[in-house]
Amino acid sequence: MNVDASTSSSASTNRVLYSFWLSSCSWRVRFALNLKGLEYEYKSVDLFKGEQFDPEFEQINPLRYVPVLVDDGVVVSDSLAILMYLEEKYPGNQLLPADPCRRALNLQEYIEQKVSQEESITWSQTVIEKGLSALEKLLKDFAGRYSTGDEVSMADVFLAPQISIAISRFKTDMSKYPVLSRVYESCEALPEFQASIPDRQPDAK
């Protein structure tokens, strides 16, 4: 298992993110850590090489997937669980709005496309576009510069990487989703988002 220090890491930090550059779940956690201004050490778990099955990593996460955050001895896996943990422990730069309606809307953003490598691009595009169409309708009355207003939130942490993957991997035509396109452009301009993109991670191929 390769160990790499990210540009946001510090030798003194007790926070470690086990990540893989192509993992969309890891991407949203990197984005959230950056937005909260939290330094971390980046440790690569190469899923293509099967490093998630290494005994060393299995001791950290018996479920054998990324991302995993180790924060001062506390181990949290699953991207949503990590984001909720960060929100509770580090309330600065909050990602969940105080307003109950917008807070609930943020939590509805947890959309995970279960697409295996064997499934066709056409099938994947259909599933993704169905999800994007639903989100376009869901956010039309709430979106401002970002998903649920004019402040970046947890909804954006989930949405922006998903849209980027839809565009780059599945050639999704975003002109059909003007609200989502506007939100994505706002997220894409953030330095915290730029720092979290897969190609800029230490283990990027």
N, C-alpha and C. Protein backbone atom coordinates (compact mmCIF):
# COMPACT_ATOMS: atom_id res chain seq x y z
N MET A 1 0.86 -1.19 0.00
CA MET A 1 0.00 0.00 0.00
C MET A 1 0.89 1.23 0.00
N ASN A 2 0.66 2.12 -0.96
CA ASN A 2 1.47 3.31 -1.08
C ASN A 2 1.03 4.37 -0.09
N VAL A 3 1.97 5.10 0.44
CA VAL A 3 1.68 6.19 1.36
C VAL A 3 2.20 7.47 0.74
N ASP A 4 1.30 8.43 0.54
CA ASP A 4 1.68 9.70 -0.05
C ASP A 4 1.15 10.84 0.79
N ALA A 5 1.93 11.87 0.95
CA ALA A 5 1.48 13.07 1.67
C ALA A 5 0.90 14.04 0.66
N SER A 6 -0.32 14.48 0.89
CA SER A 6 -0.95 15.44 -0.01
C SER A 6 -0.43 16.83 0.26
N THR A 7 -0.73 17.74 -0.66
CA THR A 7 -0.28 19.12 -0.49
C THR A 7 -0.94 19.78 0.70
N SER A 8 -2.07 19.21 1.17
CA SER A 8 -2.76 19.80 2.30
C SER A 8 -2.36 19.15 3.63
N SER A 9 -1.39 18.24 3.58
CA SER A 9 -1.02 17.53 4.81
C SER A 9 0.02 18.29 5.60
N SER A 10 0.14 17.90 6.83
CA SER A 10 1.14 18.50 7.71
C SER A 10 1.78 17.39 8.52
N ALA A 11 3.07 17.51 8.78
CA ALA A 11 3.77 16.47 9.53
C ALA A 11 3.19 16.32 10.92
N SER A 12 2.56 17.36 11.44
CA SER A 12 2.07 17.34 12.81
C SER A 12 0.61 16.88 12.92
N THR A 13 -0.04 16.65 11.79
CA THR A 13 -1.45 16.31 11.84
C THR A 13 -1.66 14.87 12.31
N ASN A 14 -2.75 14.65 13.04
CA ASN A 14 -3.16 13.31 13.46
C ASN A 14 -4.34 12.83 12.63
N ARG A 15 -4.54 13.44 11.49
CA ARG A 15 -5.67 13.13 10.63
C ARG A 15 -5.16 12.49 9.33
N VAL A 16 -5.65 11.30 9.04
CA VAL A 16 -5.20 10.55 7.86
C VAL A 16 -6.42 10.15 7.04
N LEU A 17 -6.36 10.38 5.73
CA LEU A 17 -7.42 9.95 4.82
C LEU A 17 -6.87 8.85 3.93
N TYR A 18 -7.48 7.67 4.02
CA TYR A 18 -7.18 6.58 3.10
C TYR A 18 -8.09 6.76 1.90
N SER A 19 -7.48 6.92 0.75
CA SER A 19 -8.22 7.38 -0.43
C SER A 19 -7.68 6.69 -1.67
N PHE A 20 -8.47 6.76 -2.74
CA PHE A 20 -8.02 6.35 -4.07
C PHE A 20 -8.44 7.44 -5.03
N TRP A 21 -7.55 7.86 -5.86
CA TRP A 21 -7.78 9.07 -6.66
C TRP A 21 -9.02 8.99 -7.53
N LEU A 22 -9.40 7.79 -8.02
CA LEU A 22 -10.56 7.65 -8.89
C LEU A 22 -11.85 7.36 -8.14
N SER A 23 -11.80 7.26 -6.83
CA SER A 23 -13.00 6.98 -6.04
C SER A 23 -13.82 8.26 -5.85
N SER A 24 -15.05 8.25 -6.35
CA SER A 24 -15.90 9.44 -6.20
C SER A 24 -16.28 9.65 -4.73
N CYS A 25 -16.38 8.57 -3.97
CA CYS A 25 -16.69 8.70 -2.54
C CYS A 25 -15.54 9.39 -1.81
N SER A 26 -14.31 9.02 -2.18
CA SER A 26 -13.14 9.67 -1.59
C SER A 26 -13.07 11.13 -2.01
N TRP A 27 -13.46 11.41 -3.25
CA TRP A 27 -13.41 12.78 -3.78
C TRP A 27 -14.25 13.72 -2.92
N ARG A 28 -15.49 13.28 -2.59
CA ARG A 28 -16.36 14.18 -1.82
C ARG A 28 -15.80 14.45 -0.43
N VAL A 29 -15.10 13.47 0.15
CA VAL A 29 -14.50 13.68 1.46
C VAL A 29 -13.32 14.65 1.36
N ARG A 30 -12.51 14.50 0.31
CA ARG A 30 -11.41 15.46 0.10
C ARG A 30 -11.95 16.88 -0.04
N PHE A 31 -13.02 17.02 -0.81
CA PHE A 31 -13.65 18.32 -1.03
C PHE A 31 -14.12 18.91 0.30
N ALA A 32 -14.77 18.08 1.12
CA ALA A 32 -15.29 18.55 2.41
C ALA A 32 -14.16 18.94 3.36
N LEU A 33 -13.10 18.14 3.42
CA LEU A 33 -11.96 18.47 4.27
C LEU A 33 -11.35 19.81 3.86
N ASN A 34 -11.25 20.02 2.56
CA ASN A 34 -10.70 21.28 2.06
C ASN A 34 -11.60 22.46 2.43
N LEU A 35 -12.91 22.30 2.27
CA LEU A 35 -13.84 23.37 2.60
C LEU A 35 -13.78 23.73 4.08
N LYS A 36 -13.54 22.73 4.92
CA LYS A 36 -13.46 22.99 6.36
C LYS A 36 -12.06 23.44 6.80
N GLY A 37 -11.13 23.47 5.84
CA GLY A 37 -9.79 23.91 6.17
C GLY A 37 -9.04 22.96 7.06
N LEU A 38 -9.33 21.66 6.95
CA LEU A 38 -8.71 20.66 7.81
C LEU A 38 -7.56 19.98 7.08
N GLU A 39 -6.37 20.04 7.65
CA GLU A 39 -5.22 19.39 7.05
C GLU A 39 -5.30 17.89 7.28
N TYR A 40 -4.70 17.14 6.37
CA TYR A 40 -4.72 15.68 6.52
C TYR A 40 -3.56 15.07 5.75
N GLU A 41 -3.17 13.89 6.18
CA GLU A 41 -2.19 13.10 5.44
C GLU A 41 -2.94 12.18 4.49
N TYR A 42 -2.50 12.13 3.26
CA TYR A 42 -3.14 11.31 2.22
C TYR A 42 -2.42 9.97 2.13
N LYS A 43 -3.16 8.89 2.30
CA LYS A 43 -2.60 7.55 2.11
C LYS A 43 -3.38 6.85 1.00
N SER A 44 -2.66 6.46 -0.02
CA SER A 44 -3.29 5.85 -1.19
C SER A 44 -3.56 4.37 -0.97
N VAL A 45 -4.78 3.96 -1.34
CA VAL A 45 -5.16 2.55 -1.37
C VAL A 45 -5.57 2.26 -2.81
N ASP A 46 -4.68 1.62 -3.56
CA ASP A 46 -4.91 1.39 -4.99
C ASP A 46 -5.91 0.25 -5.18
N LEU A 47 -7.14 0.61 -5.53
CA LEU A 47 -8.19 -0.41 -5.69
C LEU A 47 -7.92 -1.30 -6.89
N PHE A 48 -7.26 -0.76 -7.91
CA PHE A 48 -6.95 -1.56 -9.09
C PHE A 48 -5.95 -2.68 -8.77
N LYS A 49 -5.08 -2.40 -7.81
CA LYS A 49 -4.08 -3.41 -7.42
C LYS A 49 -4.58 -4.29 -6.27
N GLY A 50 -5.79 -4.03 -5.80
CA GLY A 50 -6.35 -4.84 -4.72
C GLY A 50 -5.78 -4.53 -3.35
N GLU A 51 -5.24 -3.31 -3.19
CA GLU A 51 -4.62 -2.98 -1.91
C GLU A 51 -5.62 -2.88 -0.76
N GLN A 52 -6.93 -2.79 -1.12
CA GLN A 52 -7.96 -2.77 -0.07
C GLN A 52 -8.03 -4.12 0.67
N PHE A 53 -7.42 -5.16 0.07
CA PHE A 53 -7.43 -6.48 0.71
C PHE A 53 -6.15 -6.76 1.49
N ASP A 54 -5.22 -5.79 1.51
CA ASP A 54 -4.01 -5.96 2.29
C ASP A 54 -4.36 -6.09 3.78
N PRO A 55 -3.71 -7.02 4.49
CA PRO A 55 -3.99 -7.16 5.93
C PRO A 55 -3.84 -5.85 6.70
N GLU A 56 -2.86 -5.03 6.29
CA GLU A 56 -2.64 -3.75 6.97
C GLU A 56 -3.88 -2.86 6.88
N PHE A 57 -4.48 -2.79 5.68
CA PHE A 57 -5.67 -1.95 5.50
C PHE A 57 -6.90 -2.61 6.12
N GLU A 58 -6.99 -3.92 6.04
CA GLU A 58 -8.14 -4.63 6.61
C GLU A 58 -8.24 -4.42 8.11
N GLN A 59 -7.11 -4.23 8.77
CA GLN A 59 -7.13 -3.94 10.21
C GLN A 59 -7.77 -2.58 10.47
N ILE A 60 -7.60 -1.66 9.54
CA ILE A 60 -8.19 -0.33 9.68
C ILE A 60 -9.66 -0.35 9.33
N ASN A 61 -10.00 -0.99 8.21
CA ASN A 61 -11.39 -1.09 7.78
C ASN A 61 -11.70 -2.51 7.31
N PRO A 62 -12.29 -3.35 8.17
CA PRO A 62 -12.61 -4.73 7.80
C PRO A 62 -13.54 -4.84 6.60
N LEU A 63 -14.28 -3.75 6.29
CA LEU A 63 -15.17 -3.77 5.12
C LEU A 63 -14.39 -3.58 3.82
N ARG A 64 -13.15 -3.14 3.93
CA ARG A 64 -12.20 -3.10 2.82
C ARG A 64 -12.64 -2.20 1.67
N TYR A 65 -13.01 -0.97 1.99
CA TYR A 65 -13.28 0.01 0.95
C TYR A 65 -12.80 1.38 1.41
N VAL A 66 -12.68 2.28 0.46
CA VAL A 66 -12.33 3.67 0.77
C VAL A 66 -13.54 4.54 0.48
N PRO A 67 -13.59 5.72 1.13
CA PRO A 67 -12.59 6.32 1.99
C PRO A 67 -12.70 5.86 3.43
N VAL A 68 -11.58 6.02 4.13
CA VAL A 68 -11.54 5.84 5.58
C VAL A 68 -10.79 7.04 6.16
N LEU A 69 -11.37 7.65 7.17
CA LEU A 69 -10.72 8.75 7.87
C LEU A 69 -10.30 8.28 9.25
N VAL A 70 -9.04 8.48 9.58
CA VAL A 70 -8.54 8.24 10.94
C VAL A 70 -8.21 9.60 11.52
N ASP A 71 -8.97 10.00 12.51
CA ASP A 71 -8.84 11.34 13.08
C ASP A 71 -8.50 11.24 14.55
N ASP A 72 -7.21 11.43 14.86
CA ASP A 72 -6.75 11.37 16.24
C ASP A 72 -7.18 10.07 16.92
N GLY A 73 -7.04 8.97 16.18
CA GLY A 73 -7.36 7.64 16.71
C GLY A 73 -8.76 7.16 16.43
N VAL A 74 -9.67 8.05 16.01
CA VAL A 74 -11.04 7.66 15.68
C VAL A 74 -11.09 7.25 14.21
N VAL A 75 -11.62 6.05 13.94
CA VAL A 75 -11.69 5.53 12.58
C VAL A 75 -13.13 5.61 12.08
N VAL A 76 -13.33 6.28 10.94
CA VAL A 76 -14.67 6.42 10.36
C VAL A 76 -14.58 6.04 8.89
N SER A 77 -15.44 5.13 8.45
CA SER A 77 -15.51 4.77 7.04
C SER A 77 -16.90 5.11 6.50
N ASP A 78 -17.02 5.13 5.18
CA ASP A 78 -18.22 5.53 4.46
C ASP A 78 -18.27 7.05 4.38
N SER A 79 -18.41 7.55 3.15
CA SER A 79 -18.29 8.99 2.94
C SER A 79 -19.34 9.80 3.70
N LEU A 80 -20.59 9.34 3.74
CA LEU A 80 -21.62 10.08 4.45
C LEU A 80 -21.33 10.11 5.95
N ALA A 81 -20.92 8.97 6.49
CA ALA A 81 -20.59 8.92 7.93
C ALA A 81 -19.42 9.85 8.24
N ILE A 82 -18.44 9.90 7.34
CA ILE A 82 -17.29 10.78 7.54
C ILE A 82 -17.73 12.24 7.51
N LEU A 83 -18.57 12.59 6.55
CA LEU A 83 -19.03 13.98 6.46
C LEU A 83 -19.83 14.40 7.68
N MET A 84 -20.68 13.50 8.18
CA MET A 84 -21.47 13.82 9.37
C MET A 84 -20.56 13.94 10.60
N TYR A 85 -19.55 13.08 10.67
CA TYR A 85 -18.58 13.16 11.76
C TYR A 85 -17.84 14.50 11.73
N LEU A 86 -17.37 14.89 10.55
CA LEU A 86 -16.65 16.16 10.42
C LEU A 86 -17.55 17.34 10.79
N GLU A 87 -18.81 17.25 10.40
CA GLU A 87 -19.75 18.35 10.68
C GLU A 87 -19.97 18.51 12.18
N GLU A 88 -20.03 17.38 12.88
CA GLU A 88 -20.26 17.42 14.33
C GLU A 88 -18.99 17.84 15.09
N LYS A 89 -17.85 17.29 14.69
CA LYS A 89 -16.63 17.56 15.45
C LYS A 89 -16.01 18.91 15.11
N TYR A 90 -16.16 19.32 13.86
CA TYR A 90 -15.55 20.57 13.41
C TYR A 90 -16.64 21.49 12.84
N PRO A 91 -17.36 22.18 13.70
CA PRO A 91 -18.52 22.97 13.26
C PRO A 91 -18.17 24.22 12.45
N GLY A 92 -16.89 24.59 12.42
CA GLY A 92 -16.51 25.73 11.59
C GLY A 92 -16.75 25.44 10.12
N ASN A 93 -17.12 26.47 9.36
CA ASN A 93 -17.45 26.28 7.93
C ASN A 93 -18.48 25.17 7.76
N GLN A 94 -19.61 25.34 8.39
CA GLN A 94 -20.65 24.31 8.38
C GLN A 94 -21.13 23.99 6.98
N LEU A 95 -21.36 22.70 6.74
CA LEU A 95 -21.84 22.24 5.43
C LEU A 95 -23.34 21.94 5.43
N LEU A 96 -23.92 21.86 6.62
CA LEU A 96 -25.36 21.64 6.71
C LEU A 96 -26.04 22.93 7.19
N PRO A 97 -26.98 23.46 6.41
CA PRO A 97 -27.66 24.71 6.80
C PRO A 97 -28.44 24.55 8.09
N ALA A 98 -28.63 25.64 8.81
CA ALA A 98 -29.41 25.62 10.04
C ALA A 98 -30.89 25.45 9.75
N ASP A 99 -31.35 26.00 8.63
CA ASP A 99 -32.76 25.90 8.26
C ASP A 99 -33.14 24.43 8.06
N PRO A 100 -34.16 23.93 8.78
CA PRO A 100 -34.51 22.50 8.71
C PRO A 100 -34.86 22.02 7.30
N CYS A 101 -35.56 22.85 6.53
CA CYS A 101 -35.95 22.44 5.18
C CYS A 101 -34.72 22.26 4.29
N ARG A 102 -33.83 23.25 4.31
CA ARG A 102 -32.63 23.16 3.48
C ARG A 102 -31.67 22.08 4.01
N ARG A 103 -31.68 21.88 5.31
CA ARG A 103 -30.85 20.82 5.89
C ARG A 103 -31.32 19.45 5.39
N ALA A 104 -32.63 19.24 5.40
CA ALA A 104 -33.20 17.98 4.91
C ALA A 104 -32.90 17.79 3.43
N LEU A 105 -32.98 18.87 2.67
CA LEU A 105 -32.70 18.80 1.24
C LEU A 105 -31.25 18.38 0.99
N ASN A 106 -30.34 18.87 1.80
CA ASN A 106 -28.94 18.47 1.69
C ASN A 106 -28.78 16.98 1.85
N LEU A 107 -29.47 16.42 2.83
CA LEU A 107 -29.32 14.99 3.11
C LEU A 107 -29.97 14.12 2.05
N GLN A 108 -30.85 14.69 1.24
CA GLN A 108 -31.44 13.95 0.13
C GLN A 108 -30.48 13.85 -1.05
N GLU A 109 -29.37 14.60 -0.99
CA GLU A 109 -28.42 14.63 -2.10
C GLU A 109 -27.56 13.38 -2.18
N TYR A 110 -27.71 12.49 -1.20
CA TYR A 110 -26.83 11.32 -1.18
C TYR A 110 -27.26 10.34 -2.26
N ILE A 111 -26.77 10.55 -3.48
CA ILE A 111 -27.09 9.67 -4.60
C ILE A 111 -25.82 8.93 -4.99
N GLU A 112 -25.85 7.63 -4.95
CA GLU A 112 -24.69 6.80 -5.28
C GLU A 112 -25.06 5.90 -6.45
N GLN A 113 -24.41 6.09 -7.58
CA GLN A 113 -24.69 5.28 -8.75
C GLN A 113 -23.94 3.96 -8.63
N LYS A 114 -24.70 2.85 -8.61
CA LYS A 114 -24.10 1.53 -8.50
C LYS A 114 -23.87 0.99 -9.92
N VAL A 115 -22.77 1.40 -10.50
CA VAL A 115 -22.48 1.02 -11.88
C VAL A 115 -21.17 0.25 -11.90
N SER A 116 -21.23 -1.01 -12.34
CA SER A 116 -20.02 -1.81 -12.41
C SER A 116 -19.33 -1.59 -13.75
N GLN A 117 -18.08 -2.01 -13.83
CA GLN A 117 -17.32 -1.83 -15.05
C GLN A 117 -17.89 -2.65 -16.20
N GLU A 118 -18.64 -3.71 -15.88
CA GLU A 118 -19.18 -4.57 -16.92
C GLU A 118 -20.44 -4.00 -17.57
N GLU A 119 -21.07 -3.05 -16.89
CA GLU A 119 -22.32 -2.52 -17.41
C GLU A 119 -22.05 -1.47 -18.47
N SER A 120 -22.94 -1.39 -19.45
CA SER A 120 -22.70 -0.56 -20.63
C SER A 120 -22.75 0.92 -20.32
N ILE A 121 -22.04 1.68 -21.15
CA ILE A 121 -22.04 3.14 -21.03
C ILE A 121 -23.46 3.67 -21.23
N THR A 122 -24.18 3.09 -22.19
CA THR A 122 -25.55 3.54 -22.47
C THR A 122 -26.44 3.36 -21.25
N TRP A 123 -26.34 2.21 -20.60
CA TRP A 123 -27.15 1.94 -19.41
C TRP A 123 -26.77 2.93 -18.30
N SER A 124 -25.48 3.15 -18.13
CA SER A 124 -25.00 4.06 -17.09
C SER A 124 -25.52 5.47 -17.33
N GLN A 125 -25.46 5.92 -18.57
CA GLN A 125 -25.95 7.25 -18.91
C GLN A 125 -27.42 7.40 -18.57
N THR A 126 -28.19 6.35 -18.83
CA THR A 126 -29.63 6.39 -18.55
C THR A 126 -29.89 6.56 -17.06
N VAL A 127 -29.16 5.80 -16.24
CA VAL A 127 -29.33 5.87 -14.79
C VAL A 127 -28.91 7.24 -14.26
N ILE A 128 -27.77 7.73 -14.72
CA ILE A 128 -27.26 9.02 -14.26
C ILE A 128 -28.20 10.15 -14.65
N GLU A 129 -28.67 10.14 -15.90
CA GLU A 129 -29.53 11.22 -16.36
C GLU A 129 -30.88 11.20 -15.66
N LYS A 130 -31.34 10.02 -15.29
CA LYS A 130 -32.58 9.94 -14.52
C LYS A 130 -32.40 10.61 -13.15
N GLY A 131 -31.24 10.36 -12.53
CA GLY A 131 -30.95 10.98 -11.25
C GLY A 131 -30.78 12.49 -11.36
N LEU A 132 -30.09 12.94 -12.41
CA LEU A 132 -29.89 14.37 -12.60
C LEU A 132 -31.21 15.09 -12.88
N SER A 133 -32.09 14.45 -13.63
CA SER A 133 -33.40 15.05 -13.90
C SER A 133 -34.19 15.25 -12.62
N ALA A 134 -34.12 14.26 -11.74
CA ALA A 134 -34.83 14.36 -10.46
C ALA A 134 -34.23 15.48 -9.60
N LEU A 135 -32.91 15.58 -9.58
CA LEU A 135 -32.25 16.62 -8.79
C LEU A 135 -32.53 18.01 -9.34
N GLU A 136 -32.60 18.13 -10.66
CA GLU A 136 -32.92 19.42 -11.28
C GLU A 136 -34.27 19.93 -10.77
N LYS A 137 -35.25 19.03 -10.70
CA LYS A 137 -36.58 19.40 -10.21
C LYS A 137 -36.55 19.68 -8.70
N LEU A 138 -35.78 18.88 -7.98
CA LEU A 138 -35.73 19.01 -6.52
C LEU A 138 -35.13 20.34 -6.09
N LEU A 139 -34.13 20.81 -6.84
CA LEU A 139 -33.38 22.00 -6.42
C LEU A 139 -33.87 23.31 -7.03
N LYS A 140 -34.76 23.25 -8.00
CA LYS A 140 -35.11 24.45 -8.76
C LYS A 140 -35.66 25.58 -7.89
N ASP A 141 -36.32 25.26 -6.80
CA ASP A 141 -36.90 26.29 -5.94
C ASP A 141 -35.98 26.67 -4.78
N PHE A 142 -34.83 26.01 -4.66
CA PHE A 142 -33.94 26.25 -3.51
C PHE A 142 -32.56 26.73 -3.91
N ALA A 143 -32.13 26.37 -5.11
CA ALA A 143 -30.75 26.67 -5.51
C ALA A 143 -30.52 28.17 -5.66
N GLY A 144 -29.34 28.60 -5.23
CA GLY A 144 -28.87 29.95 -5.50
C GLY A 144 -27.60 29.79 -6.29
N ARG A 145 -26.53 30.34 -5.77
CA ARG A 145 -25.24 30.10 -6.40
C ARG A 145 -24.83 28.64 -6.26
N TYR A 146 -25.26 28.06 -5.12
CA TYR A 146 -24.97 26.65 -4.85
C TYR A 146 -26.28 25.88 -4.71
N SER A 147 -26.20 24.62 -4.34
CA SER A 147 -27.35 23.72 -4.40
C SER A 147 -28.55 24.19 -3.59
N THR A 148 -28.32 24.64 -2.37
CA THR A 148 -29.44 25.01 -1.51
C THR A 148 -29.37 26.45 -1.03
N GLY A 149 -28.70 27.29 -1.80
CA GLY A 149 -28.61 28.70 -1.45
C GLY A 149 -27.32 29.30 -1.98
N ASP A 150 -26.88 30.37 -1.35
CA ASP A 150 -25.69 31.07 -1.80
C ASP A 150 -24.43 30.70 -1.03
N GLU A 151 -24.55 29.73 -0.13
CA GLU A 151 -23.39 29.21 0.59
C GLU A 151 -23.18 27.75 0.20
N VAL A 152 -21.91 27.38 0.02
CA VAL A 152 -21.62 25.99 -0.33
C VAL A 152 -22.03 25.09 0.84
N SER A 153 -22.54 23.91 0.52
CA SER A 153 -23.09 23.03 1.55
C SER A 153 -22.76 21.57 1.23
N MET A 154 -23.20 20.68 2.11
CA MET A 154 -22.94 19.26 1.92
C MET A 154 -23.54 18.75 0.61
N ALA A 155 -24.66 19.32 0.20
CA ALA A 155 -25.27 18.92 -1.07
C ALA A 155 -24.28 19.11 -2.22
N ASP A 156 -23.54 20.19 -2.19
CA ASP A 156 -22.55 20.47 -3.24
C ASP A 156 -21.39 19.49 -3.18
N VAL A 157 -21.03 19.08 -1.97
CA VAL A 157 -19.94 18.12 -1.79
C VAL A 157 -20.27 16.81 -2.49
N PHE A 158 -21.54 16.42 -2.46
CA PHE A 158 -21.97 15.21 -3.16
C PHE A 158 -22.18 15.46 -4.65
N LEU A 159 -22.79 16.58 -4.96
CA LEU A 159 -23.24 16.83 -6.32
C LEU A 159 -22.11 17.14 -7.29
N ALA A 160 -21.17 17.99 -6.91
CA ALA A 160 -20.14 18.43 -7.84
C ALA A 160 -19.27 17.28 -8.38
N PRO A 161 -18.76 16.38 -7.55
CA PRO A 161 -18.00 15.26 -8.11
C PRO A 161 -18.86 14.37 -9.01
N GLN A 162 -20.13 14.17 -8.64
CA GLN A 162 -21.01 13.33 -9.45
C GLN A 162 -21.22 13.93 -10.84
N ILE A 163 -21.41 15.24 -10.91
CA ILE A 163 -21.60 15.89 -12.20
C ILE A 163 -20.31 15.83 -13.01
N SER A 164 -19.18 16.05 -12.37
CA SER A 164 -17.91 15.99 -13.08
C SER A 164 -17.70 14.62 -13.71
N ILE A 165 -18.02 13.57 -12.98
CA ILE A 165 -17.90 12.21 -13.51
C ILE A 165 -18.89 11.98 -14.64
N ALA A 166 -20.11 12.49 -14.48
CA ALA A 166 -21.13 12.35 -15.52
C ALA A 166 -20.67 12.98 -16.83
N ILE A 167 -20.02 14.14 -16.71
CA ILE A 167 -19.55 14.86 -17.91
C ILE A 167 -18.35 14.15 -18.54
N SER A 168 -17.35 13.83 -17.71
CA SER A 168 -16.10 13.31 -18.26
C SER A 168 -16.17 11.84 -18.65
N ARG A 169 -16.85 11.04 -17.84
CA ARG A 169 -16.85 9.60 -18.09
C ARG A 169 -18.02 9.15 -18.95
N PHE A 170 -19.17 9.82 -18.79
CA PHE A 170 -20.37 9.36 -19.48
C PHE A 170 -20.91 10.37 -20.49
N LYS A 171 -20.15 11.44 -20.71
CA LYS A 171 -20.48 12.43 -21.76
C LYS A 171 -21.91 12.97 -21.63
N THR A 172 -22.33 13.22 -20.41
CA THR A 172 -23.67 13.72 -20.15
C THR A 172 -23.81 15.16 -20.68
N ASP A 173 -24.90 15.42 -21.35
CA ASP A 173 -25.20 16.75 -21.87
C ASP A 173 -25.86 17.57 -20.77
N MET A 174 -25.09 18.45 -20.14
CA MET A 174 -25.59 19.21 -19.00
C MET A 174 -26.48 20.38 -19.41
N SER A 175 -26.58 20.66 -20.71
CA SER A 175 -27.45 21.77 -21.14
C SER A 175 -28.91 21.50 -20.79
N LYS A 176 -29.24 20.24 -20.54
CA LYS A 176 -30.61 19.88 -20.17
C LYS A 176 -30.90 20.19 -18.70
N TYR A 177 -29.85 20.55 -17.96
CA TYR A 177 -30.00 20.77 -16.52
C TYR A 177 -29.41 22.13 -16.16
N PRO A 178 -30.11 23.22 -16.48
CA PRO A 178 -29.54 24.57 -16.25
C PRO A 178 -29.25 24.88 -14.79
N VAL A 179 -30.10 24.42 -13.87
CA VAL A 179 -29.87 24.69 -12.45
C VAL A 179 -28.61 23.96 -11.98
N LEU A 180 -28.51 22.68 -12.30
CA LEU A 180 -27.35 21.90 -11.89
C LEU A 180 -26.08 22.42 -12.55
N SER A 181 -26.18 22.85 -13.78
CA SER A 181 -25.01 23.39 -14.48
C SER A 181 -24.49 24.63 -13.79
N ARG A 182 -25.41 25.52 -13.37
CA ARG A 182 -25.01 26.74 -12.69
C ARG A 182 -24.33 26.42 -11.36
N VAL A 183 -24.91 25.48 -10.64
CA VAL A 183 -24.35 25.08 -9.35
C VAL A 183 -22.96 24.46 -9.55
N TYR A 184 -22.83 23.62 -10.55
CA TYR A 184 -21.56 22.95 -10.80
C TYR A 184 -20.47 23.97 -11.16
N GLU A 185 -20.81 24.94 -11.97
CA GLU A 185 -19.84 25.96 -12.36
C GLU A 185 -19.35 26.75 -11.13
N SER A 186 -20.26 27.00 -10.19
CA SER A 186 -19.86 27.70 -8.96
C SER A 186 -18.91 26.83 -8.13
N CYS A 187 -19.22 25.54 -8.03
CA CYS A 187 -18.37 24.63 -7.27
C CYS A 187 -17.01 24.45 -7.94
N GLU A 188 -17.04 24.34 -9.26
CA GLU A 188 -15.81 24.10 -10.02
C GLU A 188 -14.82 25.25 -9.85
N ALA A 189 -15.32 26.44 -9.61
CA ALA A 189 -14.45 27.61 -9.45
C ALA A 189 -13.78 27.68 -8.08
N LEU A 190 -14.25 26.88 -7.12
CA LEU A 190 -13.70 26.92 -5.78
C LEU A 190 -12.31 26.29 -5.72
N PRO A 191 -11.33 26.95 -5.11
CA PRO A 191 -10.00 26.34 -4.98
C PRO A 191 -10.03 25.03 -4.20
N GLU A 192 -10.98 24.92 -3.25
CA GLU A 192 -11.10 23.68 -2.47
C GLU A 192 -11.54 22.51 -3.35
N PHE A 193 -12.38 22.80 -4.34
CA PHE A 193 -12.80 21.77 -5.27
C PHE A 193 -11.65 21.41 -6.20
N GLN A 194 -10.96 22.41 -6.73
CA GLN A 194 -9.85 22.18 -7.64
C GLN A 194 -8.77 21.33 -6.98
N ALA A 195 -8.53 21.56 -5.70
CA ALA A 195 -7.51 20.78 -4.99
C ALA A 195 -7.93 19.34 -4.75
N SER A 196 -9.24 19.08 -4.83
CA SER A 196 -9.74 17.73 -4.52
C SER A 196 -9.92 16.84 -5.75
N ILE A 197 -9.76 17.40 -6.96
CA ILE A 197 -10.05 16.61 -8.16
C ILE A 197 -9.08 15.45 -8.29
N PRO A 198 -9.53 14.34 -8.87
CA PRO A 198 -8.70 13.11 -8.93
C PRO A 198 -7.31 13.32 -9.52
N ASP A 199 -7.22 14.03 -10.63
CA ASP A 199 -5.92 14.17 -11.32
C ASP A 199 -4.88 14.91 -10.50
N ARG A 200 -5.29 15.58 -9.42
CA ARG A 200 -4.35 16.34 -8.61
C ARG A 200 -3.96 15.60 -7.32
N GLN A 201 -4.36 14.32 -7.20
CA GLN A 201 -4.02 13.56 -6.01
C GLN A 201 -2.66 12.88 -6.19
N PRO A 202 -1.96 12.63 -5.07
CA PRO A 202 -0.62 12.07 -5.17
C PRO A 202 -0.53 10.73 -5.90
N ASP A 203 -1.61 9.95 -5.87
CA ASP A 203 -1.57 8.63 -6.51
C ASP A 203 -2.18 8.62 -7.92
N ALA A 204 -2.48 9.80 -8.46
CA ALA A 204 -3.10 9.87 -9.79
C ALA A 204 -2.14 9.30 -10.84
N LYS A 205 -2.71 8.53 -11.73
CA LYS A 205 -1.92 7.92 -12.81
C LYS A 205 -1.96 8.80 -14.04
